Protein backbone atom coordinates (compact mmCIF):
# COMPACT_ATOMS: atom_id res chain seq x y z
CA MET A 1 22.30 -14.39 1.31
CA LEU A 2 20.11 -10.91 2.30
CA ASP A 3 18.64 -9.10 -0.48
CA LEU A 4 19.33 -5.57 -0.76
CA MET A 5 16.03 -4.46 0.71
CA THR A 6 16.63 -6.76 3.84
CA THR A 7 20.23 -5.15 4.07
CA ARG A 8 18.71 -1.74 3.95
CA VAL A 9 16.06 -2.19 6.46
CA HIS A 10 18.46 -3.94 8.89
CA GLU A 11 20.74 -1.00 8.44
CA LEU A 12 17.62 1.52 9.19
CA GLU A 13 16.76 -0.52 12.09
CA ARG A 14 19.92 -0.05 13.64
CA THR A 15 19.90 3.74 12.94
CA ALA A 16 16.32 3.81 14.43
CA ARG A 17 17.82 2.24 17.89
CA ARG A 18 20.88 4.61 18.16
CA VAL A 19 18.56 7.40 17.58
CA ARG A 20 16.13 6.08 20.30
CA ALA A 21 19.35 5.76 22.60
CA THR A 22 19.94 9.50 21.65
CA CYS A 23 16.32 10.75 22.72
CA VAL A 24 16.91 9.22 25.84
CA ARG A 25 20.16 10.86 26.49
CA MET A 26 19.00 14.05 25.47
CA ALA A 27 16.06 13.98 27.68
CA PHE A 28 18.29 13.01 30.48
CA ASP A 29 21.13 16.04 29.74
CA GLY A 30 18.20 18.42 29.01
CA ARG A 31 15.73 17.39 31.98
CA GLU A 32 13.07 17.19 29.72
CA GLY A 33 9.96 14.70 28.85
CA HIS A 34 8.09 13.79 25.90
CA LEU A 35 9.88 10.50 25.34
CA THR A 36 6.71 8.61 24.67
CA SER A 37 5.93 10.87 21.72
CA ALA A 38 9.52 11.00 20.46
CA LEU A 39 10.37 7.22 20.40
CA SER A 40 7.01 6.39 18.85
CA CYS A 41 7.71 8.24 15.47
CA VAL A 42 11.42 7.59 15.48
CA ASP A 43 11.32 4.41 12.69
CA LEU A 44 9.13 7.16 10.70
CA LEU A 45 11.70 9.89 10.61
CA VAL A 46 14.59 7.44 9.94
CA ALA A 47 12.75 6.16 7.07
CA LEU A 48 12.05 9.75 5.51
CA TYR A 49 15.64 11.08 6.23
CA ASN A 50 17.42 8.29 4.92
CA GLY A 51 16.74 8.03 1.20
CA TRP A 52 13.30 9.43 0.64
CA LEU A 53 13.21 13.23 1.22
CA ARG A 54 15.04 15.11 -1.29
CA VAL A 55 17.30 17.37 0.60
CA ASP A 56 20.75 18.64 -0.29
CA PRO A 57 23.06 19.08 2.83
CA ASN A 58 24.89 21.72 0.93
CA ASP A 59 21.85 23.88 -0.21
CA PRO A 60 19.28 23.07 2.52
CA LEU A 61 16.93 26.15 1.11
CA SER A 62 16.92 25.15 -2.47
CA PRO A 63 13.81 25.46 -3.99
CA SER A 64 13.50 22.07 -5.15
CA ARG A 65 13.83 20.59 -1.80
CA ASP A 66 11.08 18.44 -0.22
CA ARG A 67 9.48 20.17 2.30
CA PHE A 68 9.10 18.38 5.74
CA LEU A 69 6.71 20.04 8.24
CA PHE A 70 7.09 18.58 12.14
CA SER A 71 3.66 19.27 13.16
CA LYS A 72 4.00 17.21 16.42
CA GLY A 73 6.68 19.38 17.92
CA HIS A 74 6.85 18.17 21.43
CA ALA A 75 8.70 15.19 20.04
CA ALA A 76 11.35 17.53 18.92
CA SER A 77 14.16 15.37 20.35
CA ALA A 78 13.61 12.73 17.82
CA LEU A 79 13.59 15.02 14.91
CA TYR A 80 16.93 16.62 16.17
CA ALA A 81 18.65 13.21 16.46
CA VAL A 82 17.44 11.82 13.25
CA LEU A 83 18.94 15.14 11.79
CA ALA A 84 22.35 14.33 13.40
CA ALA A 85 22.04 10.65 12.10
CA ALA A 86 21.48 11.93 8.72
CA GLY A 87 24.59 14.07 9.09
CA LEU A 88 22.74 17.41 8.78
CA VAL A 89 23.87 18.37 12.20
CA PRO A 90 26.98 17.66 14.37
CA PRO A 91 25.82 15.01 16.67
CA GLU A 92 27.77 16.39 19.76
CA THR A 93 25.59 19.54 19.22
CA LEU A 94 22.69 17.42 20.43
CA ALA A 95 24.23 18.06 24.28
CA GLN A 96 22.52 21.55 23.91
CA TYR A 97 18.89 20.12 23.88
CA ALA A 98 16.58 22.51 25.67
CA LYS A 99 19.44 24.85 27.11
CA ALA A 100 18.92 28.52 26.79
CA ASP A 101 19.87 30.10 23.53
CA SER A 102 20.33 26.28 21.98
CA PRO A 103 19.63 25.94 18.49
CA PHE A 104 17.68 22.66 19.78
CA PRO A 105 14.96 23.93 21.74
CA ASN A 106 12.21 21.82 23.48
CA HIS A 107 9.90 22.68 20.71
CA PRO A 108 11.57 23.49 17.34
CA CYS A 109 12.02 26.84 16.18
CA ARG A 110 12.64 27.63 12.48
CA LYS A 111 14.81 30.60 12.83
CA MET A 112 17.15 28.18 15.16
CA LEU A 113 17.98 25.64 12.52
CA LYS A 114 18.23 25.75 8.89
CA TRP A 115 16.93 22.36 8.41
CA LEU A 116 13.38 23.38 9.93
CA GLU A 117 10.50 24.72 7.45
CA ILE A 118 8.21 25.94 10.37
CA SER A 119 8.28 26.38 14.29
CA SER A 120 5.70 23.82 16.01
CA GLY A 121 4.67 22.96 19.35
CA SER A 122 0.98 24.67 18.98
CA LEU A 123 -0.81 21.39 17.82
CA GLY A 124 -3.07 21.64 14.52
CA HIS A 125 -1.30 24.06 12.37
CA GLY A 126 1.18 21.75 10.52
CA LEU A 127 -1.44 20.77 7.87
CA GLY A 128 -2.56 23.93 7.15
CA ILE A 129 0.60 25.34 6.47
CA GLY A 130 1.47 22.16 4.43
CA THR A 131 -1.50 22.59 2.08
CA GLY A 132 -0.52 26.31 1.51
CA MET A 133 3.12 25.41 0.86
CA ALA A 134 1.69 22.69 -1.60
CA TYR A 135 -0.67 25.43 -3.29
CA SER A 136 2.43 27.59 -3.47
CA LEU A 137 4.72 25.32 -5.18
CA ALA A 138 2.40 24.21 -7.78
CA LEU A 139 1.47 27.99 -8.68
CA ARG A 140 5.47 28.20 -9.25
CA GLY A 141 5.71 24.80 -10.98
CA ILE A 142 8.16 23.33 -8.69
CA ASP A 143 7.93 19.87 -8.41
CA ALA A 144 8.64 19.44 -4.60
CA ARG A 145 6.84 17.16 -2.29
CA VAL A 146 5.38 18.43 1.10
CA VAL A 147 5.02 16.12 4.01
CA VAL A 148 3.34 16.75 7.30
CA MET A 149 3.80 14.55 10.39
CA MET A 150 1.16 15.08 12.92
CA SER A 151 0.48 13.45 16.18
CA ASP A 152 -2.93 11.65 16.42
CA GLY A 153 -4.15 13.72 19.42
CA GLU A 154 -3.66 16.72 17.44
CA CYS A 155 -6.33 15.79 14.69
CA ASN A 156 -8.68 16.75 17.64
CA GLU A 157 -8.34 20.34 15.93
CA GLY A 158 -10.76 21.36 13.46
CA SER A 159 -7.99 22.96 11.68
CA VAL A 160 -6.64 19.69 10.43
CA TRP A 161 -9.80 18.74 8.92
CA GLU A 162 -10.51 22.26 7.09
CA SER A 163 -6.91 21.65 5.65
CA ALA A 164 -7.85 18.10 4.70
CA ALA A 165 -10.88 19.41 2.73
CA PHE A 166 -8.49 22.24 1.07
CA ALA A 167 -6.05 19.70 -0.10
CA CYS A 168 -8.79 17.46 -1.66
CA ALA A 169 -10.23 20.21 -3.42
CA HIS A 170 -7.02 21.56 -5.05
CA ARG A 171 -6.02 17.94 -5.90
CA GLN A 172 -2.82 18.40 -3.99
CA ASP A 173 -0.95 14.71 -4.82
CA ARG A 174 2.13 15.96 -3.96
CA LEU A 175 0.94 16.32 -0.43
CA LEU A 176 1.53 13.40 2.39
CA ALA A 177 0.34 13.48 5.78
CA ILE A 178 1.47 10.97 8.31
CA VAL A 179 -0.32 10.36 11.27
CA ASP A 180 1.69 8.99 14.22
CA ASN A 181 -1.26 7.14 15.83
CA ASN A 182 0.16 5.97 19.25
CA ASN A 183 -3.13 6.19 20.86
CA MET A 184 -1.75 8.28 23.45
CA GLN A 185 -2.73 12.06 24.73
CA ALA A 186 -1.94 14.14 27.31
CA VAL A 187 -5.12 13.40 29.09
CA GLY A 188 -6.37 10.21 28.19
CA ARG A 189 -6.53 7.78 25.08
CA THR A 190 -7.17 8.91 21.48
CA ASP A 191 -9.39 6.25 20.59
CA ALA A 192 -11.88 7.11 23.51
CA LEU A 193 -11.74 11.06 22.79
CA MET A 194 -12.15 10.68 19.17
CA GLY A 195 -14.75 8.18 19.41
CA HIS A 196 -13.42 4.98 18.69
CA THR A 197 -13.25 5.77 14.87
CA SER A 198 -10.61 5.24 11.89
CA PHE A 199 -8.24 8.01 10.96
CA GLU A 200 -7.99 6.27 7.71
CA GLU A 201 -11.75 6.42 7.05
CA LYS A 202 -11.75 9.95 8.29
CA PHE A 203 -9.26 10.83 5.44
CA ARG A 204 -10.72 8.79 2.87
CA ALA A 205 -14.11 10.63 3.71
CA PHE A 206 -11.99 13.79 3.01
CA GLY A 207 -11.34 12.53 -0.18
CA TRP A 208 -7.65 11.41 0.42
CA HIS A 209 -5.99 8.12 -0.53
CA ALA A 210 -5.04 6.82 2.88
CA ILE A 211 -3.83 3.59 4.00
CA THR A 212 -2.91 1.85 7.45
CA ILE A 213 0.46 0.56 8.48
CA ASP A 214 2.62 -0.87 11.23
CA GLY A 215 4.92 2.46 12.03
CA HIS A 216 7.62 0.28 13.79
CA ASP A 217 7.85 -2.18 10.58
CA MET A 218 10.76 -0.79 8.76
CA ARG A 219 10.01 -2.92 5.73
CA GLN A 220 6.15 -1.45 5.53
CA ILE A 221 7.29 2.16 6.19
CA VAL A 222 9.76 2.04 3.09
CA GLU A 223 7.32 0.42 0.91
CA ALA A 224 4.62 2.69 1.63
CA LEU A 225 6.78 5.93 0.95
CA ALA A 226 7.92 4.28 -2.19
CA ARG A 227 4.37 4.04 -3.36
CA VAL A 228 3.60 7.87 -2.62
CA PRO A 229 1.54 9.49 -4.32
CA PHE A 230 -0.99 6.56 -3.93
CA SER A 231 -3.39 8.08 -6.37
CA ALA A 232 -3.03 10.81 -9.01
CA GLY A 233 -4.97 13.91 -7.99
CA ARG A 234 -5.51 13.04 -4.48
CA PRO A 235 -3.42 13.82 -1.54
CA SER A 236 -1.83 10.74 0.55
CA ALA A 237 -2.14 9.76 4.07
CA ILE A 238 -0.47 7.24 6.13
CA ILE A 239 -1.70 6.32 9.45
CA ALA A 240 1.06 4.68 11.10
CA LYS A 241 -0.11 2.61 14.00
CA THR A 242 2.73 3.17 16.91
CA VAL A 243 3.50 2.67 20.48
CA GLY A 244 4.58 5.35 22.78
CA GLY A 245 8.03 5.04 24.17
CA LYS A 246 8.72 2.28 21.49
CA GLY A 247 11.84 0.48 22.04
CA VAL A 248 11.96 0.94 26.05
CA THR A 249 9.73 -1.33 27.67
CA PHE A 250 9.54 0.42 30.79
CA MET A 251 8.35 3.48 29.09
CA GLU A 252 6.20 1.75 26.30
CA ASP A 253 2.35 3.14 26.47
CA GLN A 254 3.03 4.94 29.79
CA THR A 255 1.44 8.49 30.11
CA LEU A 256 4.08 9.15 32.67
CA TRP A 257 6.86 9.36 30.25
CA HIS A 258 4.87 12.29 28.33
CA TYR A 259 6.07 14.26 31.42
CA ARG A 260 9.15 12.87 33.19
CA ALA A 261 12.69 13.25 32.71
CA PRO A 262 14.80 9.99 32.93
CA SER A 263 17.60 9.28 35.74
CA GLU A 264 20.83 8.07 35.17
CA ALA A 265 19.74 4.44 35.48
CA ASP A 266 16.86 4.89 33.49
CA LEU A 267 19.30 5.94 30.77
CA ALA A 268 21.77 3.34 31.28
CA GLY A 269 18.62 0.97 31.15
CA ALA A 270 17.20 2.43 27.95
CA CYS A 271 20.49 1.74 26.38
CA ALA A 272 21.44 -1.56 27.35
CA GLU A 273 17.87 -2.64 26.11
CA LEU A 274 18.30 -0.83 22.84
CA GLY A 275 21.81 -2.56 22.68
CA GLU A 276 22.90 0.80 21.09
CA GLU A 277 24.92 3.65 22.12
CA PRO A 278 23.78 7.63 21.68
CA LEU A 279 25.17 9.56 19.02
CA TYR A 280 27.02 11.59 21.43
CA GLY A 281 27.77 10.99 25.06
CA ALA A 282 28.37 6.97 24.86
CA ILE A 283 27.05 5.56 28.32
CA SER A 284 29.87 3.04 28.42
CA SER A 285 32.71 5.75 28.18
């Protein structure tokens, strides 16, 4: 007999497969790329939006809500698909992805969708905005958490580390940074460009409590989130080791899929491998 945690993990894993199929569907419909980036963070987003983030579907602007900042905006299709899977946007509206005047542009725009805290796409700003939000919430006595999801390539930016120092100085233990460490950037490998150093060690050097997990192991993700904050008086960082294009073998770890839009055959092949239909526009229909 499966225990409750195992059952929950299996449910989240199936949701993640459906979200991945949806991302490929959206990329096909919108003639957009960035699938390596989107597919690498799906498991993390699914875990966040299915039981961890405190958001009220009936009051998206509640002062007590957790703030989720999606700093790696080029992976927007994953965020939109997870919002649909969580019942926060109608799945059929995802067909508007990357279309003119759509609420789902290829980089998130806060004014287009009520669930977004920030517009993103220009990298290196999410953690700074997040530390500012955490500072403001603390001044107002609001017991809400601030979560920033970043790409590993984004950590090339000096603004990330200025923000990390600020968060430590102000003991922001309601702040969580998640680094999607898929070791891929537009022009090379993160390890090589960042000097083959450890993100966990870097955040620890800035005074954070940081851990490294397998960003595709749903049980590890859920258990890590359950421990946040890791230390009283210190901001938390989860370094999630991931694979670009995860779940679709012909896309995995292939820089080409940072740029390429899938063909109809690619879409069919991806959904067949994932074993799930998209949340809209079923392939078998």
